[in-house]
Amino acid sequence: MGAIHVHEFMSLDGVIDTPMWTADYKFTAGMEKAIGALTKRCRGVLLGRTTFQMFAPAWSQRTAKDDPGAPFFNDSTKYVVSSTLTTAAAAATWKNTKVVGPYDAAAIRKLKDDAGDLYVSGSGTLVRAMLADGLIDELHLLVYPLTRGSGPRLFADGAAPRKLSLAACEAYDHGVVYMNYRAK
């Protein structure tokens, strides 16, 4: 049985939109180590359509020389939740891509069991749906010392209250904090 590990860049006020606002903060060796440890144990990447369409052109051309994360993103199977993409079109954009169809909690549960540990980045709509359905095993948050004021948040207004347990926490010199929470 696999686990779903969600990685998000997040502002102090919970915004997880396209994280261009992280550019002022260097990605430190500690941050790289935390995300590297996460991706090392995952067997695939699970993405929503919008994030897939943003990631594909950016990651598909990168090499290990460009970014140490490139082999994971390019060589792992990418599972895309979408009601509009086809596997053929997605795979033509980024190798090793499969479209799992529209969001279906049972299908995600089966994928989790069959594929093993899955890494999710971004994909806010997908992540909020999986949180509501209790499918996420761990949250890996890089929280940046700024507020955005508005934008999509990790937990939607009206989301059911939940308790999580802290598995790891590390602060970096520039104020970014890595927090790893597990579902209870």
Protein backbone atom coordinates (compact mmCIF):
# COMPACT_ATOMS: atom_id res chain seq x y z
CA MET A 1 0.00 0.00 0.00
CA GLY A 2 1.38 3.37 -0.99
CA ALA A 3 1.09 6.79 0.56
CA ILE A 4 0.35 10.19 -0.93
CA HIS A 5 2.89 12.88 -0.03
CA VAL A 6 1.92 16.46 -0.85
CA HIS A 7 4.58 19.15 -1.20
CA GLU A 8 3.46 22.78 -1.27
CA PHE A 9 5.12 26.17 -1.27
CA MET A 10 2.92 28.24 1.04
CA SER A 11 2.74 31.79 2.34
CA LEU A 12 2.15 32.49 6.04
CA ASP A 13 -1.50 33.16 5.31
CA GLY A 14 -1.91 29.78 3.58
CA VAL A 15 -1.81 30.80 -0.09
CA ILE A 16 -0.47 28.10 -2.46
CA ASP A 17 -0.92 29.73 -5.86
CA THR A 18 1.78 29.67 -8.54
CA PRO A 19 4.79 30.33 -6.31
CA MET A 20 6.64 32.99 -8.29
CA TRP A 21 6.75 34.89 -4.99
CA THR A 22 9.34 32.40 -3.67
CA ALA A 23 12.00 33.78 -6.06
CA ASP A 24 13.39 36.19 -3.47
CA TYR A 25 14.30 33.24 -1.23
CA LYS A 26 17.22 31.03 -2.19
CA PHE A 27 16.47 27.30 -2.28
CA THR A 28 18.91 26.19 0.42
CA ALA A 29 20.80 22.93 0.81
CA GLY A 30 18.46 22.07 3.72
CA MET A 31 15.38 22.62 1.58
CA GLU A 32 16.91 20.55 -1.22
CA LYS A 33 17.70 17.77 1.25
CA ALA A 34 14.12 17.72 2.64
CA ILE A 35 12.49 17.58 -0.81
CA GLY A 36 15.13 15.15 -2.10
CA ALA A 37 14.38 12.74 0.76
CA LEU A 38 10.69 12.98 -0.08
CA THR A 39 11.08 12.36 -3.81
CA LYS A 40 13.57 9.53 -3.19
CA ARG A 41 10.88 7.40 -1.55
CA CYS A 42 8.16 8.13 -4.10
CA ARG A 43 7.55 5.94 -7.15
CA GLY A 44 5.44 8.36 -9.15
CA VAL A 45 4.13 11.89 -9.46
CA LEU A 46 0.42 12.66 -9.14
CA LEU A 47 -0.69 15.99 -10.62
CA GLY A 48 -3.79 17.90 -11.51
CA ARG A 49 -4.14 19.05 -15.12
CA THR A 50 -3.20 22.69 -14.54
CA THR A 51 -0.02 21.86 -12.64
CA PHE A 52 0.87 19.17 -15.19
CA GLN A 53 0.53 21.73 -17.99
CA MET A 54 2.80 24.14 -16.09
CA PHE A 55 5.37 21.49 -15.12
CA ALA A 56 5.64 19.64 -18.44
CA PRO A 57 7.39 22.35 -20.48
CA ALA A 58 9.55 23.39 -17.52
CA TRP A 59 10.71 19.97 -16.33
CA SER A 60 10.73 17.89 -19.51
CA GLN A 61 13.73 19.79 -20.88
CA ARG A 62 15.77 19.88 -17.65
CA THR A 63 18.65 17.56 -16.92
CA ALA A 64 20.37 16.60 -13.67
CA LYS A 65 23.00 19.21 -14.54
CA ASP A 66 20.25 21.88 -14.59
CA ASP A 67 18.48 20.68 -11.45
CA PRO A 68 19.07 17.66 -9.19
CA GLY A 69 15.31 16.99 -9.18
CA ALA A 70 15.10 16.57 -12.97
CA PRO A 71 15.71 12.79 -13.08
CA PHE A 72 12.90 12.17 -10.59
CA PHE A 73 10.41 14.33 -12.47
CA ASN A 74 11.37 13.08 -15.92
CA ASP A 75 11.90 9.38 -15.24
CA SER A 76 9.04 8.74 -12.82
CA THR A 77 5.57 7.94 -14.07
CA LYS A 78 3.36 11.01 -13.99
CA TYR A 79 -0.31 10.33 -13.22
CA VAL A 80 -2.54 13.22 -14.26
CA VAL A 81 -6.05 13.73 -12.96
CA SER A 82 -7.99 15.32 -15.81
CA SER A 83 -11.28 15.00 -17.61
CA THR A 84 -9.94 16.81 -20.70
CA LEU A 85 -6.44 15.44 -21.38
CA THR A 86 -5.71 12.12 -23.06
CA THR A 87 -2.77 9.90 -22.22
CA ALA A 88 -1.48 10.16 -25.79
CA ALA A 89 -1.48 13.97 -25.76
CA ALA A 90 0.01 14.18 -22.26
CA ALA A 91 2.74 11.60 -22.98
CA ALA A 92 3.67 13.46 -26.17
CA THR A 93 4.30 16.50 -23.97
CA TRP A 94 6.19 14.72 -21.17
CA LYS A 95 7.40 11.12 -21.25
CA ASN A 96 6.06 8.51 -18.84
CA THR A 97 2.71 10.25 -18.42
CA LYS A 98 -0.64 8.55 -17.89
CA VAL A 99 -4.01 10.27 -17.53
CA VAL A 100 -6.13 8.64 -14.83
CA GLY A 101 -9.33 10.46 -15.83
CA PRO A 102 -11.48 12.86 -13.84
CA TYR A 103 -11.16 12.99 -10.07
CA ASP A 104 -12.53 9.87 -8.43
CA ALA A 105 -11.55 9.09 -4.84
CA ALA A 106 -11.83 5.32 -5.41
CA ALA A 107 -9.57 5.52 -8.47
CA ILE A 108 -6.98 7.55 -6.52
CA ARG A 109 -7.16 5.03 -3.66
CA LYS A 110 -6.53 2.18 -6.12
CA LEU A 111 -3.68 4.08 -7.78
CA LYS A 112 -2.13 4.67 -4.36
CA ASP A 113 -2.32 0.93 -3.63
CA ASP A 114 -1.01 -0.14 -7.06
CA ALA A 115 1.67 2.48 -7.75
CA GLY A 116 3.18 2.88 -4.29
CA ASP A 117 4.18 6.19 -2.74
CA LEU A 118 3.15 9.18 -4.84
CA TYR A 119 4.49 12.74 -4.80
CA VAL A 120 2.13 15.66 -5.38
CA SER A 121 3.23 19.25 -5.92
CA GLY A 122 0.96 22.22 -6.50
CA SER A 123 -2.31 20.82 -7.86
CA GLY A 124 -4.42 22.79 -5.38
CA THR A 125 -7.83 21.63 -6.60
CA LEU A 126 -6.72 17.99 -6.57
CA VAL A 127 -5.07 18.34 -3.15
CA ARG A 128 -8.17 19.94 -1.58
CA ALA A 129 -10.34 17.11 -2.97
CA MET A 130 -7.95 14.46 -1.65
CA LEU A 131 -7.81 16.17 1.75
CA ALA A 132 -11.62 16.13 1.91
CA ASP A 133 -11.61 12.40 1.03
CA GLY A 134 -8.86 11.51 3.52
CA LEU A 135 -6.43 10.35 0.83
CA ILE A 136 -3.36 12.36 1.84
CA ASP A 137 -0.92 10.68 4.19
CA GLU A 138 1.63 13.47 4.59
CA LEU A 139 1.90 17.20 3.96
CA HIS A 140 5.37 18.62 3.28
CA LEU A 141 5.10 22.39 3.51
CA LEU A 142 7.71 25.03 2.79
CA VAL A 143 6.20 28.07 4.50
CA TYR A 144 7.60 31.43 3.36
CA PRO A 145 7.80 34.47 5.66
CA LEU A 146 5.35 36.63 3.74
CA THR A 147 1.64 37.02 3.25
CA ARG A 148 -0.21 37.13 -0.05
CA GLY A 149 -3.54 38.53 1.11
CA SER A 150 -5.57 36.62 -1.42
CA GLY A 151 -5.29 33.55 -3.55
CA PRO A 152 -6.09 29.86 -3.37
CA ARG A 153 -5.38 28.35 0.01
CA LEU A 154 -4.37 24.83 1.00
CA PHE A 155 -7.47 24.39 3.15
CA ALA A 156 -10.62 25.77 1.57
CA ASP A 157 -13.12 27.83 3.57
CA GLY A 158 -15.52 25.43 5.23
CA ALA A 159 -13.15 22.44 5.05
CA ALA A 160 -13.75 19.91 7.80
CA PRO A 161 -11.52 20.42 10.85
CA ARG A 162 -8.74 17.86 11.21
CA LYS A 163 -5.81 17.08 13.43
CA LEU A 164 -2.37 16.25 12.09
CA SER A 165 0.81 15.15 13.80
CA LEU A 166 4.12 16.93 13.28
CA ALA A 167 6.74 14.53 11.88
CA ALA A 168 9.53 17.01 11.12
CA CYS A 169 10.26 20.72 11.27
CA GLU A 170 13.28 22.73 10.18
CA ALA A 171 13.82 26.49 9.96
CA TYR A 172 16.24 28.03 7.47
CA ASP A 173 18.27 31.21 7.88
CA HIS A 174 16.16 33.23 5.44
CA GLY A 175 12.96 32.53 7.39
CA VAL A 176 11.47 29.69 5.34
CA VAL A 177 10.25 26.81 7.50
CA TYR A 178 9.85 23.19 6.38
CA MET A 179 7.06 21.33 8.15
CA ASN A 180 6.08 17.71 7.61
CA TYR A 181 2.66 16.70 8.97
CA ARG A 182 1.13 13.22 8.98
CA ALA A 183 -2.55 12.40 8.91
CA LYS A 184 -3.85 10.99 12.20
